[in-house]
Amino acid sequence: MVEAPSRLVRGLEAAGAGFEVEHVQERPEEPQLWGRLYGLWVAHEADLRRELGDAQAEMMLGEGPGCCPDSTNAVRSS
């Protein structure tokens, strides 16, 4: 399972790149939100392909698995 970077890590990376970080907002529910979204994309793959086309659907479906802890349940069956 791949861990999504925390907001704190991203804030430190931004500061390291020379940006002034004014606020880092913790959102512990965010990985689960994305996991549910990716799961819905997988469940509705045929609809995505029909409405958006194969190229866009492939890009969306390829984005999910491994991006965050809850996306592992969104892995497509090949």
N, C-alpha and C. Protein backbone atom coordinates (compact mmCIF):
# COMPACT_ATOMS: atom_id res chain seq x y z
N MET A 1 0.84 -1.17 0.00
CA MET A 1 0.00 0.00 0.00
C MET A 1 0.89 1.24 0.00
N VAL A 2 0.60 2.16 -0.88
CA VAL A 2 1.37 3.39 -0.99
C VAL A 2 0.72 4.46 -0.14
N GLU A 3 1.50 5.10 0.70
CA GLU A 3 0.98 6.17 1.54
C GLU A 3 0.97 7.48 0.75
N ALA A 4 -0.10 8.21 0.84
CA ALA A 4 -0.16 9.53 0.23
C ALA A 4 0.65 10.49 1.10
N PRO A 5 1.40 11.41 0.49
CA PRO A 5 2.17 12.36 1.29
C PRO A 5 1.25 13.18 2.18
N SER A 6 1.70 13.44 3.39
CA SER A 6 0.88 14.25 4.30
C SER A 6 0.97 15.71 3.89
N ARG A 7 0.02 16.49 4.35
CA ARG A 7 0.03 17.93 4.07
C ARG A 7 1.29 18.57 4.64
N LEU A 8 1.74 18.08 5.81
CA LEU A 8 2.93 18.64 6.42
C LEU A 8 4.14 18.44 5.52
N VAL A 9 4.28 17.24 4.96
CA VAL A 9 5.41 16.96 4.06
C VAL A 9 5.33 17.88 2.86
N ARG A 10 4.14 18.04 2.29
CA ARG A 10 3.99 18.92 1.13
C ARG A 10 4.33 20.36 1.50
N GLY A 11 3.94 20.77 2.72
CA GLY A 11 4.26 22.12 3.17
C GLY A 11 5.76 22.31 3.30
N LEU A 12 6.45 21.31 3.82
CA LEU A 12 7.90 21.38 3.94
C LEU A 12 8.56 21.41 2.57
N GLU A 13 8.03 20.64 1.62
CA GLU A 13 8.56 20.65 0.26
C GLU A 13 8.38 22.03 -0.37
N ALA A 14 7.23 22.64 -0.15
CA ALA A 14 6.98 23.97 -0.70
C ALA A 14 7.94 24.98 -0.10
N ALA A 15 8.16 24.90 1.21
CA ALA A 15 9.09 25.81 1.87
C ALA A 15 10.51 25.58 1.34
N GLY A 16 10.86 24.33 1.13
CA GLY A 16 12.18 24.01 0.59
C GLY A 16 12.39 24.51 -0.82
N ALA A 17 11.30 24.71 -1.55
CA ALA A 17 11.39 25.21 -2.92
C ALA A 17 11.36 26.74 -2.95
N GLY A 18 11.35 27.35 -1.78
CA GLY A 18 11.41 28.80 -1.71
C GLY A 18 10.08 29.50 -1.56
N PHE A 19 9.00 28.74 -1.43
CA PHE A 19 7.69 29.35 -1.22
C PHE A 19 7.49 29.65 0.25
N GLU A 20 6.74 30.69 0.53
CA GLU A 20 6.38 30.99 1.91
C GLU A 20 5.08 30.26 2.23
N VAL A 21 5.14 29.35 3.17
CA VAL A 21 3.97 28.57 3.55
C VAL A 21 3.26 29.30 4.68
N GLU A 22 2.05 29.75 4.39
CA GLU A 22 1.28 30.49 5.38
C GLU A 22 0.47 29.58 6.28
N HIS A 23 0.00 28.45 5.73
CA HIS A 23 -0.86 27.57 6.51
C HIS A 23 -0.83 26.17 5.89
N VAL A 24 -0.79 25.16 6.73
CA VAL A 24 -0.90 23.77 6.28
C VAL A 24 -2.15 23.21 6.93
N GLN A 25 -3.11 22.85 6.11
CA GLN A 25 -4.38 22.32 6.62
C GLN A 25 -4.36 20.81 6.59
N GLU A 26 -4.52 20.20 7.75
CA GLU A 26 -4.60 18.75 7.82
C GLU A 26 -5.97 18.29 7.37
N ARG A 27 -6.00 17.28 6.53
CA ARG A 27 -7.27 16.71 6.04
C ARG A 27 -7.15 15.19 6.10
N PRO A 28 -7.26 14.61 7.29
CA PRO A 28 -7.06 13.16 7.43
C PRO A 28 -8.08 12.33 6.65
N GLU A 29 -9.22 12.91 6.31
CA GLU A 29 -10.24 12.17 5.57
C GLU A 29 -9.98 12.14 4.06
N GLU A 30 -9.03 12.91 3.59
CA GLU A 30 -8.81 13.05 2.15
C GLU A 30 -8.46 11.74 1.44
N PRO A 31 -7.56 10.91 1.96
CA PRO A 31 -7.26 9.66 1.25
C PRO A 31 -8.49 8.77 1.05
N GLN A 32 -9.36 8.71 2.06
CA GLN A 32 -10.57 7.90 1.93
C GLN A 32 -11.51 8.49 0.88
N LEU A 33 -11.58 9.81 0.81
CA LEU A 33 -12.41 10.47 -0.19
C LEU A 33 -11.96 10.08 -1.59
N TRP A 34 -10.65 10.18 -1.85
CA TRP A 34 -10.13 9.82 -3.17
C TRP A 34 -10.32 8.33 -3.44
N GLY A 35 -10.14 7.50 -2.42
CA GLY A 35 -10.35 6.07 -2.60
C GLY A 35 -11.77 5.74 -3.02
N ARG A 36 -12.73 6.42 -2.41
CA ARG A 36 -14.14 6.21 -2.80
C ARG A 36 -14.39 6.69 -4.22
N LEU A 37 -13.81 7.84 -4.58
CA LEU A 37 -13.99 8.36 -5.94
C LEU A 37 -13.42 7.39 -6.97
N TYR A 38 -12.20 6.91 -6.74
CA TYR A 38 -11.60 5.97 -7.68
C TYR A 38 -12.41 4.68 -7.76
N GLY A 39 -12.94 4.25 -6.64
CA GLY A 39 -13.79 3.05 -6.64
C GLY A 39 -15.03 3.25 -7.49
N LEU A 40 -15.61 4.44 -7.43
CA LEU A 40 -16.77 4.73 -8.28
C LEU A 40 -16.40 4.76 -9.75
N TRP A 41 -15.21 5.29 -10.06
CA TRP A 41 -14.77 5.30 -11.46
C TRP A 41 -14.66 3.87 -11.98
N VAL A 42 -14.08 2.99 -11.16
CA VAL A 42 -13.93 1.59 -11.57
C VAL A 42 -15.31 0.94 -11.74
N ALA A 43 -16.19 1.19 -10.80
CA ALA A 43 -17.53 0.59 -10.86
C ALA A 43 -18.32 1.06 -12.08
N HIS A 44 -18.02 2.25 -12.55
CA HIS A 44 -18.76 2.83 -13.68
C HIS A 44 -17.87 3.00 -14.91
N GLU A 45 -16.90 2.09 -15.06
CA GLU A 45 -15.96 2.18 -16.17
C GLU A 45 -16.66 2.25 -17.52
N ALA A 46 -17.65 1.42 -17.74
CA ALA A 46 -18.34 1.40 -19.04
C ALA A 46 -19.00 2.75 -19.32
N ASP A 47 -19.60 3.35 -18.30
CA ASP A 47 -20.23 4.66 -18.47
C ASP A 47 -19.18 5.73 -18.80
N LEU A 48 -18.04 5.67 -18.12
CA LEU A 48 -16.97 6.64 -18.40
C LEU A 48 -16.50 6.51 -19.84
N ARG A 49 -16.29 5.28 -20.28
CA ARG A 49 -15.82 5.07 -21.65
C ARG A 49 -16.85 5.58 -22.67
N ARG A 50 -18.10 5.32 -22.41
CA ARG A 50 -19.16 5.74 -23.34
C ARG A 50 -19.27 7.27 -23.38
N GLU A 51 -19.21 7.91 -22.22
CA GLU A 51 -19.44 9.35 -22.16
C GLU A 51 -18.20 10.19 -22.44
N LEU A 52 -17.01 9.67 -22.09
CA LEU A 52 -15.79 10.45 -22.22
C LEU A 52 -14.84 9.94 -23.29
N GLY A 53 -15.03 8.71 -23.72
CA GLY A 53 -14.11 8.10 -24.68
C GLY A 53 -13.06 7.27 -23.97
N ASP A 54 -12.48 6.33 -24.72
CA ASP A 54 -11.51 5.41 -24.14
C ASP A 54 -10.26 6.11 -23.61
N ALA A 55 -9.74 7.09 -24.35
CA ALA A 55 -8.48 7.73 -23.93
C ALA A 55 -8.63 8.42 -22.58
N GLN A 56 -9.68 9.22 -22.42
CA GLN A 56 -9.90 9.92 -21.15
C GLN A 56 -10.20 8.94 -20.02
N ALA A 57 -11.02 7.93 -20.31
CA ALA A 57 -11.35 6.94 -19.28
C ALA A 57 -10.08 6.21 -18.82
N GLU A 58 -9.21 5.85 -19.75
CA GLU A 58 -7.95 5.17 -19.38
C GLU A 58 -7.10 6.05 -18.48
N MET A 59 -7.03 7.35 -18.80
CA MET A 59 -6.24 8.26 -17.97
C MET A 59 -6.82 8.32 -16.55
N MET A 60 -8.13 8.42 -16.45
CA MET A 60 -8.77 8.49 -15.13
C MET A 60 -8.59 7.19 -14.37
N LEU A 61 -8.83 6.07 -15.02
CA LEU A 61 -8.75 4.77 -14.35
C LEU A 61 -7.32 4.42 -13.96
N GLY A 62 -6.35 4.91 -14.71
CA GLY A 62 -4.95 4.66 -14.39
C GLY A 62 -4.43 5.52 -13.25
N GLU A 63 -5.14 6.57 -12.93
CA GLU A 63 -4.72 7.50 -11.89
C GLU A 63 -4.92 6.95 -10.49
N GLY A 64 -5.97 6.18 -10.27
CA GLY A 64 -6.37 5.77 -8.94
C GLY A 64 -5.49 4.79 -8.20
N PRO A 65 -5.30 3.58 -8.70
CA PRO A 65 -4.60 2.56 -7.91
C PRO A 65 -3.21 3.00 -7.46
N GLY A 66 -2.98 2.88 -6.16
CA GLY A 66 -1.67 3.19 -5.61
C GLY A 66 -1.47 4.63 -5.22
N CYS A 67 -2.44 5.49 -5.47
CA CYS A 67 -2.26 6.90 -5.15
C CYS A 67 -2.44 7.18 -3.67
N CYS A 68 -3.27 6.41 -3.03
CA CYS A 68 -3.57 6.66 -1.62
C CYS A 68 -4.02 5.36 -0.97
N PRO A 69 -3.98 5.28 0.35
CA PRO A 69 -4.26 4.02 1.04
C PRO A 69 -5.57 3.35 0.65
N ASP A 70 -6.65 4.10 0.50
CA ASP A 70 -7.94 3.49 0.21
C ASP A 70 -8.17 3.20 -1.26
N SER A 71 -7.22 3.54 -2.12
CA SER A 71 -7.44 3.30 -3.54
C SER A 71 -7.15 1.85 -3.92
N THR A 72 -6.57 1.07 -3.01
CA THR A 72 -6.26 -0.32 -3.35
C THR A 72 -7.51 -1.12 -3.61
N ASN A 73 -8.65 -0.72 -3.02
CA ASN A 73 -9.89 -1.43 -3.29
C ASN A 73 -10.50 -1.02 -4.62
N ALA A 74 -9.86 -0.09 -5.30
CA ALA A 74 -10.38 0.41 -6.56
C ALA A 74 -9.61 -0.16 -7.75
N VAL A 75 -8.85 -1.21 -7.54
CA VAL A 75 -8.07 -1.79 -8.62
C VAL A 75 -8.99 -2.50 -9.58
N ARG A 76 -8.83 -2.19 -10.85
CA ARG A 76 -9.67 -2.81 -11.88
C ARG A 76 -9.28 -4.25 -12.09
N SER A 77 -10.26 -5.06 -12.43
CA SER A 77 -9.95 -6.43 -12.84
C SER A 77 -9.61 -6.37 -14.32
N SER A 78 -8.53 -7.00 -14.70
CA SER A 78 -8.07 -6.91 -16.09
C SER A 78 -8.77 -7.91 -16.98
